[in-house]
Amino acid sequence: MKKTIKKNLKIHIRTGDRVKILAGKHRNEQGTVVKVFPKAYRAIVEGMNIVLRHVKPSPERPTGVIQKQPSPIHISNLMLIDPISGGATRVGRKHNASGKLQRYAKKTGNFIQNV
């Protein structure tokens, strides 16, 4: 994940959000975002995109081991699930009643509470 993209891109997904996967072998499945990598524009979703990692033998593990670990998914392949309606929605930003910029679901217009 050494590739970086343009600076100052706004990411519509945050850690703890429930998301729907739009592409890949886990298409149309839902999961929770565990970690977000803003510079790489990727996120790790719990239980999705699991890959096998071969670990070399060491004094602790003389035979080596094959580990399963989640791999990041590109942000463009994730869509936020609206916590109130339960459907997938696009995300926008607008000022709430107190004047603070906050995310909202474009489908319903409801503000998305920060986790």
PDB file of N, CA and C in Angstrom:
ATOM      1  N   MET A   1       0.820  -1.195   0.000  1.00  0.00           N
ATOM      2  CA  MET A   1       0.000   0.000   0.000  1.00  0.00           C
ATOM      3  C   MET A   1       0.862   1.256   0.000  1.00  0.00           C
ATOM      4  N   LYS A   2       1.827   1.310  -0.852  1.00  0.00           N
ATOM      5  CA  LYS A   2       2.688   2.474  -0.916  1.00  0.00           C
ATOM      6  C   LYS A   2       2.118   3.554  -1.816  1.00  0.00           C
ATOM      7  N   LYS A   3       1.176   3.178  -2.690  1.00  0.00           N
ATOM      8  CA  LYS A   3       0.606   4.168  -3.594  1.00  0.00           C
ATOM      9  C   LYS A   3      -0.204   5.193  -2.812  1.00  0.00           C
ATOM     10  N   THR A   4      -0.053   6.418  -3.186  1.00  0.00           N
ATOM     11  CA  THR A   4      -0.861   7.470  -2.589  1.00  0.00           C
ATOM     12  C   THR A   4      -1.607   8.179  -3.701  1.00  0.00           C
ATOM     13  N   ILE A   5      -2.654   8.866  -3.326  1.00  0.00           N
ATOM     14  CA  ILE A   5      -3.448   9.580  -4.311  1.00  0.00           C
ATOM     15  C   ILE A   5      -3.434  11.055  -3.970  1.00  0.00           C
ATOM     16  N   LYS A   6      -4.289  11.809  -4.637  1.00  0.00           N
ATOM     17  CA  LYS A   6      -4.330  13.246  -4.408  1.00  0.00           C
ATOM     18  C   LYS A   6      -4.498  13.567  -2.932  1.00  0.00           C
ATOM     19  N   LYS A   7      -3.968  14.699  -2.548  1.00  0.00           N
ATOM     20  CA  LYS A   7      -4.111  15.175  -1.183  1.00  0.00           C
ATOM     21  C   LYS A   7      -5.553  15.620  -0.949  1.00  0.00           C
ATOM     22  N   ASN A   8      -5.981  15.842   0.218  1.00  0.00           N
ATOM     23  CA  ASN A   8      -7.249  16.476   0.580  1.00  0.00           C
ATOM     24  C   ASN A   8      -8.500  15.818   0.010  1.00  0.00           C
ATOM     25  N   LEU A   9      -8.488  14.517  -0.280  1.00  0.00           N
ATOM     26  CA  LEU A   9      -9.715  13.853  -0.704  1.00  0.00           C
ATOM     27  C   LEU A   9     -10.568  13.567   0.524  1.00  0.00           C
ATOM     28  N   LYS A  10     -11.851  13.841   0.421  1.00  0.00           N
ATOM     29  CA  LYS A  10     -12.758  13.588   1.537  1.00  0.00           C
ATOM     30  C   LYS A  10     -13.209  12.129   1.491  1.00  0.00           C
ATOM     31  N   ILE A  11     -13.128  11.467   2.614  1.00  0.00           N
ATOM     32  CA  ILE A  11     -13.533  10.072   2.699  1.00  0.00           C
ATOM     33  C   ILE A  11     -14.892  10.011   3.391  1.00  0.00           C
ATOM     34  N   HIS A  12     -15.840   9.346   2.765  1.00  0.00           N
ATOM     35  CA  HIS A  12     -17.194   9.281   3.296  1.00  0.00           C
ATOM     36  C   HIS A  12     -17.397   8.125   4.273  1.00  0.00           C
ATOM     37  N   ILE A  13     -16.368   7.306   4.495  1.00  0.00           N
ATOM     38  CA  ILE A  13     -16.442   6.152   5.389  1.00  0.00           C
ATOM     39  C   ILE A  13     -15.535   6.412   6.594  1.00  0.00           C
ATOM     40  N   ARG A  14     -16.022   6.036   7.780  1.00  0.00           N
ATOM     41  CA  ARG A  14     -15.219   6.171   8.998  1.00  0.00           C
ATOM     42  C   ARG A  14     -15.180   4.843   9.740  1.00  0.00           C
ATOM     43  N   THR A  15     -14.239   4.698  10.655  1.00  0.00           N
ATOM     44  CA  THR A  15     -14.140   3.501  11.476  1.00  0.00           C
ATOM     45  C   THR A  15     -15.423   3.322  12.274  1.00  0.00           C
ATOM     46  N   GLY A  16     -15.949   2.102  12.284  1.00  0.00           N
ATOM     47  CA  GLY A  16     -17.163   1.801  13.020  1.00  0.00           C
ATOM     48  C   GLY A  16     -18.432   1.880  12.182  1.00  0.00           C
ATOM     49  N   ASP A  17     -18.336   2.417  10.958  1.00  0.00           N
ATOM     50  CA  ASP A  17     -19.501   2.502  10.078  1.00  0.00           C
ATOM     51  C   ASP A  17     -19.885   1.121   9.557  1.00  0.00           C
ATOM     52  N   ARG A  18     -21.175   0.926   9.332  1.00  0.00           N
ATOM     53  CA  ARG A  18     -21.671  -0.287   8.689  1.00  0.00           C
ATOM     54  C   ARG A  18     -21.726   0.012   7.190  1.00  0.00           C
ATOM     55  N   VAL A  19     -21.107  -0.857   6.370  1.00  0.00           N
ATOM     56  CA  VAL A  19     -21.014  -0.599   4.941  1.00  0.00           C
ATOM     57  C   VAL A  19     -21.486  -1.810   4.130  1.00  0.00           C
ATOM     58  N   LYS A  20     -21.869  -1.526   2.887  1.00  0.00           N
ATOM     59  CA  LYS A  20     -22.204  -2.560   1.914  1.00  0.00           C
ATOM     60  C   LYS A  20     -21.074  -2.587   0.898  1.00  0.00           C
ATOM     61  N   ILE A  21     -20.636  -3.784   0.513  1.00  0.00           N
ATOM     62  CA  ILE A  21     -19.565  -3.916  -0.462  1.00  0.00           C
ATOM     63  C   ILE A  21     -20.193  -3.990  -1.851  1.00  0.00           C
ATOM     64  N   LEU A  22     -19.711  -3.139  -2.763  1.00  0.00           N
ATOM     65  CA  LEU A  22     -20.305  -2.999  -4.088  1.00  0.00           C
ATOM     66  C   LEU A  22     -19.651  -3.862  -5.154  1.00  0.00           C
ATOM     67  N   ALA A  23     -18.425  -4.294  -4.960  1.00  0.00           N
ATOM     68  CA  ALA A  23     -17.717  -5.045  -5.995  1.00  0.00           C
ATOM     69  C   ALA A  23     -16.794  -6.076  -5.361  1.00  0.00           C
ATOM     70  N   GLY A  24     -16.455  -7.089  -6.141  1.00  0.00           N
ATOM     71  CA  GLY A  24     -15.531  -8.115  -5.667  1.00  0.00           C
ATOM     72  C   GLY A  24     -16.262  -9.366  -5.248  1.00  0.00           C
ATOM     73  N   LYS A  25     -15.531 -10.296  -4.647  1.00  0.00           N
ATOM     74  CA  LYS A  25     -16.129 -11.582  -4.298  1.00  0.00           C
ATOM     75  C   LYS A  25     -17.115 -11.479  -3.135  1.00  0.00           C
ATOM     76  N   HIS A  26     -17.066 -10.385  -2.385  1.00  0.00           N
ATOM     77  CA  HIS A  26     -18.006 -10.184  -1.271  1.00  0.00           C
ATOM     78  C   HIS A  26     -19.103  -9.189  -1.635  1.00  0.00           C
ATOM     79  N   ARG A  27     -19.420  -9.067  -2.919  1.00  0.00           N
ATOM     80  CA  ARG A  27     -20.425  -8.115  -3.390  1.00  0.00           C
ATOM     81  C   ARG A  27     -21.763  -8.346  -2.703  1.00  0.00           C
ATOM     82  N   ASN A  28     -22.436  -7.243  -2.354  1.00  0.00           N
ATOM     83  CA  ASN A  28     -23.748  -7.222  -1.695  1.00  0.00           C
ATOM     84  C   ASN A  28     -23.725  -7.738  -0.261  1.00  0.00           C
ATOM     85  N   GLU A  29     -22.561  -7.911   0.332  1.00  0.00           N
ATOM     86  CA  GLU A  29     -22.468  -8.289   1.740  1.00  0.00           C
ATOM     87  C   GLU A  29     -22.223  -7.036   2.570  1.00  0.00           C
ATOM     88  N   GLN A  30     -22.576  -7.130   3.865  1.00  0.00           N
ATOM     89  CA  GLN A  30     -22.416  -5.995   4.775  1.00  0.00           C
ATOM     90  C   GLN A  30     -21.405  -6.325   5.860  1.00  0.00           C
ATOM     91  N   GLY A  31     -20.727  -5.299   6.343  1.00  0.00           N
ATOM     92  CA  GLY A  31     -19.761  -5.480   7.407  1.00  0.00           C
ATOM     93  C   GLY A  31     -19.442  -4.156   8.069  1.00  0.00           C
ATOM     94  N   THR A  32     -18.657  -4.210   9.125  1.00  0.00           N
ATOM     95  CA  THR A  32     -18.276  -3.029   9.880  1.00  0.00           C
ATOM     96  C   THR A  32     -16.834  -2.652   9.550  1.00  0.00           C
ATOM     97  N   VAL A  33     -16.593  -1.375   9.366  1.00  0.00           N
ATOM     98  CA  VAL A  33     -15.245  -0.887   9.049  1.00  0.00           C
ATOM     99  C   VAL A  33     -14.390  -0.947  10.308  1.00  0.00           C
ATOM    100  N   VAL A  34     -13.257  -1.632  10.206  1.00  0.00           N
ATOM    101  CA  VAL A  34     -12.341  -1.788  11.332  1.00  0.00           C
ATOM    102  C   VAL A  34     -11.285  -0.690  11.328  1.00  0.00           C
ATOM    103  N   LYS A  35     -10.755  -0.391  10.139  1.00  0.00           N
ATOM    104  CA  LYS A  35      -9.695   0.605  10.031  1.00  0.00           C
ATOM    105  C   LYS A  35      -9.772   1.269   8.664  1.00  0.00           C
ATOM    106  N   VAL A  36      -9.424   2.557   8.621  1.00  0.00           N
ATOM    107  CA  VAL A  36      -9.424   3.317   7.376  1.00  0.00           C
ATOM    108  C   VAL A  36      -8.017   3.831   7.117  1.00  0.00           C
ATOM    109  N   PHE A  37      -7.575   3.712   5.848  1.00  0.00           N
ATOM    110  CA  PHE A  37      -6.278   4.227   5.428  1.00  0.00           C
ATOM    111  C   PHE A  37      -6.533   5.384   4.463  1.00  0.00           C
ATOM    112  N   PRO A  38      -6.617   6.635   4.961  1.00  0.00           N
ATOM    113  CA  PRO A  38      -7.001   7.764   4.114  1.00  0.00           C
ATOM    114  C   PRO A  38      -6.049   8.032   2.954  1.00  0.00           C
ATOM    115  N   LYS A  39      -4.749   7.906   3.166  1.00  0.00           N
ATOM    116  CA  LYS A  39      -3.798   8.202   2.090  1.00  0.00           C
ATOM    117  C   LYS A  39      -3.884   7.180   0.967  1.00  0.00           C
ATOM    118  N   ALA A  40      -4.132   5.932   1.296  1.00  0.00           N
ATOM    119  CA  ALA A  40      -4.257   4.888   0.278  1.00  0.00           C
ATOM    120  C   ALA A  40      -5.690   4.788  -0.239  1.00  0.00           C
ATOM    121  N   TYR A  41      -6.635   5.491   0.392  1.00  0.00           N
ATOM    122  CA  TYR A  41      -8.053   5.500   0.009  1.00  0.00           C
ATOM    123  C   TYR A  41      -8.638   4.094   0.092  1.00  0.00           C
ATOM    124  N   ARG A  42      -8.311   3.391   1.183  1.00  0.00           N
ATOM    125  CA  ARG A  42      -8.767   2.021   1.398  1.00  0.00           C
ATOM    126  C   ARG A  42      -9.243   1.846   2.827  1.00  0.00           C
ATOM    127  N   ALA A  43     -10.006   0.770   3.053  1.00  0.00           N
ATOM    128  CA  ALA A  43     -10.513   0.465   4.390  1.00  0.00           C
ATOM    129  C   ALA A  43     -10.558  -1.044   4.581  1.00  0.00           C
ATOM    130  N   ILE A  44     -10.403  -1.486   5.825  1.00  0.00           N
ATOM    131  CA  ILE A  44     -10.532  -2.899   6.168  1.00  0.00           C
ATOM    132  C   ILE A  44     -11.928  -3.097   6.746  1.00  0.00           C
ATOM    133  N   VAL A  45     -12.665  -4.064   6.174  1.00  0.00           N
ATOM    134  CA  VAL A  45     -14.009  -4.391   6.639  1.00  0.00           C
ATOM    135  C   VAL A  45     -13.941  -5.729   7.356  1.00  0.00           C
ATOM    136  N   GLU A  46     -14.548  -5.804   8.524  1.00  0.00           N
ATOM    137  CA  GLU A  46     -14.485  -6.981   9.383  1.00  0.00           C
ATOM    138  C   GLU A  46     -15.036  -8.220   8.673  1.00  0.00           C
ATOM    139  N   GLY A  47     -14.212  -9.259   8.587  1.00  0.00           N
ATOM    140  CA  GLY A  47     -14.626 -10.535   8.017  1.00  0.00           C
ATOM    141  C   GLY A  47     -14.664 -10.588   6.501  1.00  0.00           C
ATOM    142  N   MET A  48     -14.276  -9.535   5.820  1.00  0.00           N
ATOM    143  CA  MET A  48     -14.322  -9.499   4.359  1.00  0.00           C
ATOM    144  C   MET A  48     -12.920  -9.433   3.770  1.00  0.00           C
ATOM    145  N   ASN A  49     -12.771  -9.931   2.538  1.00  0.00           N
ATOM    146  CA  ASN A  49     -11.523  -9.873   1.786  1.00  0.00           C
ATOM    147  C   ASN A  49     -10.363 -10.495   2.566  1.00  0.00           C
ATOM    148  N   ILE A  50     -10.589 -11.711   3.077  1.00  0.00           N
ATOM    149  CA  ILE A  50      -9.574 -12.431   3.847  1.00  0.00           C
ATOM    150  C   ILE A  50      -8.564 -13.051   2.889  1.00  0.00           C
ATOM    151  N   VAL A  51      -7.284 -12.843   3.167  1.00  0.00           N
ATOM    152  CA  VAL A  51      -6.208 -13.405   2.349  1.00  0.00           C
ATOM    153  C   VAL A  51      -5.308 -14.270   3.225  1.00  0.00           C
ATOM    154  N   LEU A  52      -4.568 -15.178   2.577  1.00  0.00           N
ATOM    155  CA  LEU A  52      -3.630 -16.042   3.301  1.00  0.00           C
ATOM    156  C   LEU A  52      -2.247 -15.426   3.247  1.00  0.00           C
ATOM    157  N   ARG A  53      -1.585 -15.408   4.381  1.00  0.00           N
ATOM    158  CA  ARG A  53      -0.252 -14.821   4.497  1.00  0.00           C
ATOM    159  C   ARG A  53       0.701 -15.903   4.998  1.00  0.00           C
ATOM    160  N   HIS A  54       1.738 -16.182   4.243  1.00  0.00           N
ATOM    161  CA  HIS A  54       2.715 -17.193   4.633  1.00  0.00           C
ATOM    162  C   HIS A  54       3.807 -16.548   5.476  1.00  0.00           C
ATOM    163  N   VAL A  55       4.007 -17.077   6.689  1.00  0.00           N
ATOM    164  CA  VAL A  55       5.019 -16.553   7.598  1.00  0.00           C
ATOM    165  C   VAL A  55       6.200 -17.525   7.608  1.00  0.00           C
ATOM    166  N   LYS A  56       7.398 -16.975   7.429  1.00  0.00           N
ATOM    167  CA  LYS A  56       8.594 -17.809   7.371  1.00  0.00           C
ATOM    168  C   LYS A  56       8.851 -18.496   8.709  1.00  0.00           C
ATOM    169  N   PRO A  57       9.552 -19.636   8.678  1.00  0.00           N
ATOM    170  CA  PRO A  57       9.917 -20.301   9.934  1.00  0.00           C
ATOM    171  C   PRO A  57      10.805 -19.414  10.796  1.00  0.00           C
ATOM    172  N   SER A  58      10.633 -19.535  12.103  1.00  0.00           N
ATOM    173  CA  SER A  58      11.425 -18.770  13.062  1.00  0.00           C
ATOM    174  C   SER A  58      11.692 -19.670  14.270  1.00  0.00           C
ATOM    175  N   PRO A  59      12.516 -19.227  15.208  1.00  0.00           N
ATOM    176  CA  PRO A  59      12.754 -20.067  16.397  1.00  0.00           C
ATOM    177  C   PRO A  59      11.464 -20.369  17.175  1.00  0.00           C
ATOM    178  N   GLU A  60      10.508 -19.433  17.176  1.00  0.00           N
ATOM    179  CA  GLU A  60       9.239 -19.683  17.879  1.00  0.00           C
ATOM    180  C   GLU A  60       8.370 -20.679  17.109  1.00  0.00           C
ATOM    181  N   ARG A  61       8.383 -20.562  15.747  1.00  0.00           N
ATOM    182  CA  ARG A  61       7.587 -21.442  14.887  1.00  0.00           C
ATOM    183  C   ARG A  61       8.533 -22.102  13.880  1.00  0.00           C
ATOM    184  N   PRO A  62       9.116 -23.257  14.224  1.00  0.00           N
ATOM    185  CA  PRO A  62      10.104 -23.873  13.329  1.00  0.00           C
ATOM    186  C   PRO A  62       9.528 -24.318  11.979  1.00  0.00           C
ATOM    187  N   THR A  63       8.240 -24.584  11.901  1.00  0.00           N
ATOM    188  CA  THR A  63       7.664 -25.042  10.633  1.00  0.00           C
ATOM    189  C   THR A  63       7.063 -23.904   9.818  1.00  0.00           C
ATOM    190  N   GLY A  64       6.974 -22.718  10.388  1.00  0.00           N
ATOM    191  CA  GLY A  64       6.306 -21.624   9.692  1.00  0.00           C
ATOM    192  C   GLY A  64       4.794 -21.766   9.862  1.00  0.00           C
ATOM    193  N   VAL A  65       4.049 -20.834   9.318  1.00  0.00           N
ATOM    194  CA  VAL A  65       2.597 -20.892   9.492  1.00  0.00           C
ATOM    195  C   VAL A  65       1.928 -20.107   8.357  1.00  0.00           C
ATOM    196  N   ILE A  66       0.690 -20.469   8.082  1.00  0.00           N
ATOM    197  CA  ILE A  66      -0.125 -19.723   7.119  1.00  0.00           C
ATOM    198  C   ILE A  66      -1.225 -19.035   7.916  1.00  0.00           C
ATOM    199  N   GLN A  67      -1.236 -17.694   7.882  1.00  0.00           N
ATOM    200  CA  GLN A  67      -2.205 -16.911   8.646  1.00  0.00           C
ATOM    201  C   GLN A  67      -3.277 -16.363   7.725  1.00  0.00           C
ATOM    202  N   LYS A  68      -4.493 -16.251   8.256  1.00  0.00           N
ATOM    203  CA  LYS A  68      -5.575 -15.576   7.542  1.00  0.00           C
ATOM    204  C   LYS A  68      -5.682 -14.173   8.105  1.00  0.00           C
ATOM    205  N   GLN A  69      -5.720 -13.171   7.219  1.00  0.00           N
ATOM    206  CA  GLN A  69      -5.844 -11.798   7.684  1.00  0.00           C
ATOM    207  C   GLN A  69      -6.655 -10.991   6.680  1.00  0.00           C
ATOM    208  N   PRO A  70      -7.379  -9.971   7.154  1.00  0.00           N
ATOM    209  CA  PRO A  70      -8.178  -9.156   6.226  1.00  0.00           C
ATOM    210  C   PRO A  70      -7.292  -8.224   5.410  1.00  0.00           C
ATOM    211  N   SER A  71      -7.698  -7.987   4.180  1.00  0.00           N
ATOM    212  CA  SER A  71      -6.972  -7.104   3.280  1.00  0.00           C
ATOM    213  C   SER A  71      -7.830  -5.869   3.009  1.00  0.00           C
ATOM    214  N   PRO A  72      -7.224  -4.699   2.802  1.00  0.00           N
ATOM    215  CA  PRO A  72      -8.010  -3.486   2.573  1.00  0.00           C
ATOM    216  C   PRO A  72      -8.798  -3.522   1.265  1.00  0.00           C
ATOM    217  N   ILE A  73      -9.939  -2.848   1.266  1.00  0.00           N
ATOM    218  CA  ILE A  73     -10.805  -2.708   0.097  1.00  0.00           C
ATOM    219  C   ILE A  73     -10.821  -1.234  -0.281  1.00  0.00           C
ATOM    220  N   HIS A  74     -10.845  -0.937  -1.574  1.00  0.00           N
ATOM    221  CA  HIS A  74     -10.869   0.445  -2.031  1.00  0.00           C
ATOM    222  C   HIS A  74     -12.172   1.107  -1.587  1.00  0.00           C
ATOM    223  N   ILE A  75     -12.078   2.358  -1.140  1.00  0.00           N
ATOM    224  CA  ILE A  75     -13.231   3.095  -0.614  1.00  0.00           C
ATOM    225  C   ILE A  75     -14.355   3.210  -1.644  1.00  0.00           C
ATOM    226  N   SER A  76     -14.008   3.287  -2.930  1.00  0.00           N
ATOM    227  CA  SER A  76     -15.032   3.428  -3.962  1.00  0.00           C
ATOM    228  C   SER A  76     -15.915   2.189  -4.070  1.00  0.00           C
ATOM    229  N   ASN A  77     -15.471   1.068  -3.519  1.00  0.00           N
ATOM    230  CA  ASN A  77     -16.255  -0.162  -3.543  1.00  0.00           C
ATOM    231  C   ASN A  77     -17.090  -0.341  -2.278  1.00  0.00           C
ATOM    232  N   LEU A  78     -17.180   0.678  -1.446  1.00  0.00           N
ATOM    233  CA  LEU A  78     -17.958   0.616  -0.210  1.00  0.00           C
ATOM    234  C   LEU A  78     -19.046   1.679  -0.232  1.00  0.00           C
ATOM    235  N   MET A  79     -20.210   1.332   0.315  1.00  0.00           N
ATOM    236  CA  MET A  79     -21.311   2.284   0.417  1.00  0.00           C
ATOM    237  C   MET A  79     -21.874   2.210   1.826  1.00  0.00           C
ATOM    238  N   LEU A  80     -22.078   3.362   2.426  1.00  0.00           N
ATOM    239  CA  LEU A  80     -22.543   3.440   3.805  1.00  0.00           C
ATOM    240  C   LEU A  80     -23.974   2.926   3.938  1.00  0.00           C
ATOM    241  N   ILE A  81     -24.244   2.210   5.033  1.00  0.00           N
ATOM    242  CA  ILE A  81     -25.601   1.779   5.370  1.00  0.00           C
ATOM    243  C   ILE A  81     -26.175   2.819   6.327  1.00  0.00           C
ATOM    244  N   ASP A  82     -27.336   3.385   5.968  1.00  0.00           N
ATOM    245  CA  ASP A  82     -27.994   4.382   6.819  1.00  0.00           C
ATOM    246  C   ASP A  82     -28.451   3.702   8.104  1.00  0.00           C
ATOM    247  N   PRO A  83     -28.001   4.164   9.284  1.00  0.00           N
ATOM    248  CA  PRO A  83     -28.360   3.507  10.541  1.00  0.00           C
ATOM    249  C   PRO A  83     -29.865   3.556  10.839  1.00  0.00           C
ATOM    250  N   ILE A  84     -30.572   4.555  10.332  1.00  0.00           N
ATOM    251  CA  ILE A  84     -31.995   4.691  10.631  1.00  0.00           C
ATOM    252  C   ILE A  84     -32.855   3.852   9.691  1.00  0.00           C
ATOM    253  N   SER A  85     -32.633   3.987   8.366  1.00  0.00           N
ATOM    254  CA  SER A  85     -33.468   3.257   7.412  1.00  0.00           C
ATOM    255  C   SER A  85     -32.939   1.851   7.124  1.00  0.00           C
ATOM    256  N   GLY A  86     -31.646   1.627   7.305  1.00  0.00           N
ATOM    257  CA  GLY A  86     -31.063   0.313   7.056  1.00  0.00           C
ATOM    258  C   GLY A  86     -30.697   0.060   5.612  1.00  0.00           C
ATOM    259  N   GLY A  87     -30.854   1.047   4.741  1.00  0.00           N
ATOM    260  CA  GLY A  87     -30.514   0.882   3.332  1.00  0.00           C
ATOM    261  C   GLY A  87     -29.202   1.560   2.984  1.00  0.00           C
ATOM    262  N   ALA A  88     -28.621   1.141   1.868  1.00  0.00           N
ATOM    263  CA  ALA A  88     -27.380   1.754   1.403  1.00  0.00           C
ATOM    264  C   ALA A  88     -27.688   3.142   0.855  1.00  0.00           C
ATOM    265  N   THR A  89     -26.820   4.093   1.143  1.00  0.00           N
ATOM    266  CA  THR A  89     -27.053   5.466   0.726  1.00  0.00           C
ATOM    267  C   THR A  89     -25.742   6.170   0.421  1.00  0.00           C
ATOM    268  N   ARG A  90     -25.827   7.196  -0.415  1.00  0.00           N
ATOM    269  CA  ARG A  90     -24.680   8.051  -0.626  1.00  0.00           C
ATOM    270  C   ARG A  90     -24.575   9.004   0.566  1.00  0.00           C
ATOM    271  N   VAL A  91     -23.408   9.622   0.722  1.00  0.00           N
ATOM    272  CA  VAL A  91     -23.159  10.469   1.884  1.00  0.00           C
ATOM    273  C   VAL A  91     -22.832  11.879   1.421  1.00  0.00           C
ATOM    274  N   GLY A  92     -23.412  12.856   2.105  1.00  0.00           N
ATOM    275  CA  GLY A  92     -23.100  14.250   1.854  1.00  0.00           C
ATOM    276  C   GLY A  92     -22.687  14.915   3.147  1.00  0.00           C
ATOM    277  N   ARG A  93     -22.330  16.186   3.055  1.00  0.00           N
ATOM    278  CA  ARG A  93     -21.971  16.955   4.252  1.00  0.00           C
ATOM    279  C   ARG A  93     -22.754  18.254   4.231  1.00  0.00           C
ATOM    280  N   LYS A  94     -23.369  18.575   5.380  1.00  0.00           N
ATOM    281  CA  LYS A  94     -24.041  19.863   5.524  1.00  0.00           C
ATOM    282  C   LYS A  94     -24.012  20.258   6.993  1.00  0.00           C
ATOM    283  N   HIS A  95     -24.305  21.529   7.246  1.00  0.00           N
ATOM    284  CA  HIS A  95     -24.265  22.053   8.609  1.00  0.00           C
ATOM    285  C   HIS A  95     -25.517  21.639   9.365  1.00  0.00           C
ATOM    286  N   ASN A  96     -25.317  21.192  10.622  1.00  0.00           N
ATOM    287  CA  ASN A  96     -26.462  20.837  11.458  1.00  0.00           C
ATOM    288  C   ASN A  96     -26.964  22.079  12.187  1.00  0.00           C
ATOM    289  N   ALA A  97     -27.885  21.903  13.134  1.00  0.00           N
ATOM    290  CA  ALA A  97     -28.504  23.032  13.827  1.00  0.00           C
ATOM    291  C   ALA A  97     -27.497  23.886  14.600  1.00  0.00           C
ATOM    292  N   SER A  98     -26.445  23.252  15.108  1.00  0.00           N
ATOM    293  CA  SER A  98     -25.445  24.006  15.864  1.00  0.00           C
ATOM    294  C   SER A  98     -24.376  24.627  14.959  1.00  0.00           C
ATOM    295  N   GLY A  99     -24.465  24.413  13.652  1.00  0.00           N
ATOM    296  CA  GLY A  99     -23.519  25.012  12.722  1.00  0.00           C
ATOM    297  C   GLY A  99     -22.306  24.169  12.421  1.00  0.00           C
ATOM    298  N   LYS A 100     -22.266  22.938  12.944  1.00  0.00           N
ATOM    299  CA  LYS A 100     -21.129  22.059  12.708  1.00  0.00           C
ATOM    300  C   LYS A 100     -21.367  21.238  11.437  1.00  0.00           C
ATOM    301  N   LEU A 101     -20.330  21.070  10.631  1.00  0.00           N
ATOM    302  CA  LEU A 101     -20.419  20.281   9.412  1.00  0.00           C
ATOM    303  C   LEU A 101     -20.520  18.808   9.781  1.00  0.00           C
ATOM    304  N   GLN A 102     -21.553  18.140   9.278  1.00  0.00           N
ATOM    305  CA  GLN A 102     -21.800  16.763   9.671  1.00  0.00           C
ATOM    306  C   GLN A 102     -22.240  15.943   8.461  1.00  0.00           C
ATOM    307  N   ARG A 103     -21.952  14.638   8.484  1.00  0.00           N
ATOM    308  CA  ARG A 103     -22.363  13.754   7.395  1.00  0.00           C
ATOM    309  C   ARG A 103     -23.868  13.507   7.459  1.00  0.00           C
ATOM    310  N   TYR A 104     -24.493  13.356   6.275  1.00  0.00           N
ATOM    311  CA  TYR A 104     -25.906  13.005   6.234  1.00  0.00           C
ATOM    312  C   TYR A 104     -26.161  12.020   5.095  1.00  0.00           C
ATOM    313  N   ALA A 105     -27.231  11.236   5.228  1.00  0.00           N
ATOM    314  CA  ALA A 105     -27.610  10.275   4.205  1.00  0.00           C
ATOM    315  C   ALA A 105     -28.410  10.992   3.133  1.00  0.00           C
ATOM    316  N   LYS A 106     -27.956  10.920   1.898  1.00  0.00           N
ATOM    317  CA  LYS A 106     -28.627  11.639   0.817  1.00  0.00           C
ATOM    318  C   LYS A 106     -29.989  11.034   0.497  1.00  0.00           C
ATOM    319  N   LYS A 107     -30.176   9.748   0.758  1.00  0.00           N
ATOM    320  CA  LYS A 107     -31.440   9.092   0.434  1.00  0.00           C
ATOM    321  C   LYS A 107     -32.556   9.562   1.355  1.00  0.00           C
ATOM    322  N   THR A 108     -32.277   9.684   2.667  1.00  0.00           N
ATOM    323  CA  THR A 108     -33.313  10.056   3.628  1.00  0.00           C
ATOM    324  C   THR A 108     -33.157  11.472   4.167  1.00  0.00           C
ATOM    325  N   GLY A 109     -31.941  12.018   4.093  1.00  0.00           N
ATOM    326  CA  GLY A 109     -31.693  13.353   4.634  1.00  0.00           C
ATOM    327  C   GLY A 109     -31.360  13.350   6.114  1.00  0.00           C
ATOM    328  N   ASN A 110     -31.291  12.174   6.735  1.00  0.00           N
ATOM    329  CA  ASN A 110     -30.978  12.069   8.156  1.00  0.00           C
ATOM    330  C   ASN A 110     -29.482  12.263   8.403  1.00  0.00           C
ATOM    331  N   PHE A 111     -29.146  12.930   9.498  1.00  0.00           N
ATOM    332  CA  PHE A 111     -27.746  13.078   9.886  1.00  0.00           C
ATOM    333  C   PHE A 111     -27.231  11.721  10.385  1.00  0.00           C
ATOM    334  N   ILE A 112     -25.962  11.450  10.097  1.00  0.00           N
ATOM    335  CA  ILE A 112     -25.321  10.224  10.537  1.00  0.00           C
ATOM    336  C   ILE A 112     -24.533  10.547  11.797  1.00  0.00           C
ATOM    337  N   GLN A 113     -24.883   9.876  12.880  1.00  0.00           N
ATOM    338  CA  GLN A 113     -24.220  10.115  14.153  1.00  0.00           C
ATOM    339  C   GLN A 113     -22.823   9.518  14.119  1.00  0.00           C
ATOM    340  N   ASN A 114     -21.855  10.246  14.641  1.00  0.00           N
ATOM    341  CA  ASN A 114     -20.481   9.755  14.715  1.00  0.00           C
ATOM    342  C   ASN A 114     -20.388   8.664  15.755  1.00  0.00           C
ATOM    343  N   VAL A 115     -19.631   7.612  15.426  1.00  0.00           N
ATOM    344  CA  VAL A 115     -19.489   6.477  16.328  1.00  0.00           C
ATOM    345  C   VAL A 115     -18.426   6.760  17.354  1.00  0.00           C
TER     346      VAL A 115
END
